[in-house]
């Protein structure tokens, strides 16, 4: 799954650790999502969407 998480995180000026803290996940999870090695659960995808104030489809797109 294609992810815009890195781009959005950088726009907000957050480190991976800061984003991880806001999402209550590990920094490694954020890294895995950003490098497209891990697809987040629907719950985590909704958390990201709320945090970035964007629809999930804007953050994630199917390959």
C-alpha atoms as a PDB file:
ATOM      1  CA  UNK A   1       0.000   0.000   0.000  1.00  0.00           C
ATOM      2  CA  UNK A   2       1.333   3.437  -0.926  1.00  0.00           C
ATOM      3  CA  UNK A   3       1.637   5.786   2.023  1.00  0.00           C
ATOM      4  CA  UNK A   4       1.990   9.575   2.363  1.00  0.00           C
ATOM      5  CA  UNK A   5       2.756   9.328   6.080  1.00  0.00           C
ATOM      6  CA  UNK A   6       6.394  10.445   5.769  1.00  0.00           C
ATOM      7  CA  UNK A   7       5.454  13.467   3.651  1.00  0.00           C
ATOM      8  CA  UNK A   8       2.664  14.481   6.029  1.00  0.00           C
ATOM      9  CA  UNK A   9       4.800  13.936   9.134  1.00  0.00           C
ATOM     10  CA  UNK A  10       7.525  16.141   7.681  1.00  0.00           C
ATOM     11  CA  UNK A  11       4.968  18.847   6.782  1.00  0.00           C
ATOM     12  CA  UNK A  12       3.929  18.898  10.442  1.00  0.00           C
ATOM     13  CA  UNK A  13       7.588  19.075  11.496  1.00  0.00           C
ATOM     14  CA  UNK A  14       7.425  15.904  13.582  1.00  0.00           C
ATOM     15  CA  UNK A  15      10.066  13.243  14.015  1.00  0.00           C
ATOM     16  CA  UNK A  16       9.127   9.587  13.722  1.00  0.00           C
ATOM     17  CA  UNK A  17       9.337   9.373  17.517  1.00  0.00           C
ATOM     18  CA  UNK A  18       6.944  12.322  17.946  1.00  0.00           C
ATOM     19  CA  UNK A  19       4.421  10.834  15.547  1.00  0.00           C
ATOM     20  CA  UNK A  20       4.729   7.451  17.247  1.00  0.00           C
ATOM     21  CA  UNK A  21       4.010   9.049  20.621  1.00  0.00           C
ATOM     22  CA  UNK A  22       0.908  10.807  19.274  1.00  0.00           C
ATOM     23  CA  UNK A  23      -0.319   7.504  17.806  1.00  0.00           C
ATOM     24  CA  UNK A  24       0.683   5.439  20.851  1.00  0.00           C
ATOM     25  CA  UNK A  25       2.814   3.076  18.750  1.00  0.00           C
ATOM     26  CA  UNK A  26       6.557   2.445  18.481  1.00  0.00           C
ATOM     27  CA  UNK A  27       8.863   4.496  16.277  1.00  0.00           C
ATOM     28  CA  UNK A  28       9.605   1.249  14.433  1.00  0.00           C
ATOM     29  CA  UNK A  29       5.914   0.976  13.506  1.00  0.00           C
ATOM     30  CA  UNK A  30       5.961   4.485  12.042  1.00  0.00           C
ATOM     31  CA  UNK A  31       9.117   3.648  10.106  1.00  0.00           C
ATOM     32  CA  UNK A  32       7.591   0.433   8.758  1.00  0.00           C
ATOM     33  CA  UNK A  33       4.474   2.298   7.593  1.00  0.00           C
ATOM     34  CA  UNK A  34       6.570   5.010   5.943  1.00  0.00           C
ATOM     35  CA  UNK A  35       8.754   2.481   4.114  1.00  0.00           C
ATOM     36  CA  UNK A  36       5.644   0.515   3.085  1.00  0.00           C
ATOM     37  CA  UNK A  37       6.791  -2.625   4.896  1.00  0.00           C
ATOM     38  CA  UNK A  38       3.701  -2.641   7.106  1.00  0.00           C
ATOM     39  CA  UNK A  39       0.067  -1.814   6.417  1.00  0.00           C
ATOM     40  CA  UNK A  40      -1.565  -0.285   9.493  1.00  0.00           C
ATOM     41  CA  UNK A  41      -4.665  -1.715  11.075  1.00  0.00           C
ATOM     42  CA  UNK A  42      -7.895   0.078  10.248  1.00  0.00           C
ATOM     43  CA  UNK A  43      -7.872   1.521  13.782  1.00  0.00           C
ATOM     44  CA  UNK A  44      -4.388   2.967  13.284  1.00  0.00           C
ATOM     45  CA  UNK A  45      -5.299   4.267   9.818  1.00  0.00           C
ATOM     46  CA  UNK A  46      -8.257   6.136  11.357  1.00  0.00           C
ATOM     47  CA  UNK A  47      -5.960   7.577  14.054  1.00  0.00           C
ATOM     48  CA  UNK A  48      -3.615   8.846  11.349  1.00  0.00           C
ATOM     49  CA  UNK A  49      -6.507  10.334   9.390  1.00  0.00           C
ATOM     50  CA  UNK A  50      -7.818  12.169  12.463  1.00  0.00           C
ATOM     51  CA  UNK A  51      -4.346  13.386  13.396  1.00  0.00           C
ATOM     52  CA  UNK A  52      -3.624  14.752   9.906  1.00  0.00           C
ATOM     53  CA  UNK A  53      -7.260  15.843   9.421  1.00  0.00           C
ATOM     54  CA  UNK A  54      -7.465  14.047   6.075  1.00  0.00           C
ATOM     55  CA  UNK A  55      -9.524  11.197   4.638  1.00  0.00           C
ATOM     56  CA  UNK A  56      -7.812   7.807   4.856  1.00  0.00           C
ATOM     57  CA  UNK A  57      -7.834   7.597   1.040  1.00  0.00           C
ATOM     58  CA  UNK A  58      -5.646  10.714   0.899  1.00  0.00           C
ATOM     59  CA  UNK A  59      -3.021   9.107   3.149  1.00  0.00           C
ATOM     60  CA  UNK A  60      -3.079   5.553   1.800  1.00  0.00           C
ATOM     61  CA  UNK A  61      -3.618   4.231  -1.698  1.00  0.00           C
ATOM     62  CA  UNK A  62      -3.624   0.683  -2.961  1.00  0.00           C
ATOM     63  CA  UNK A  63      -0.672  -0.297  -5.167  1.00  0.00           C
END
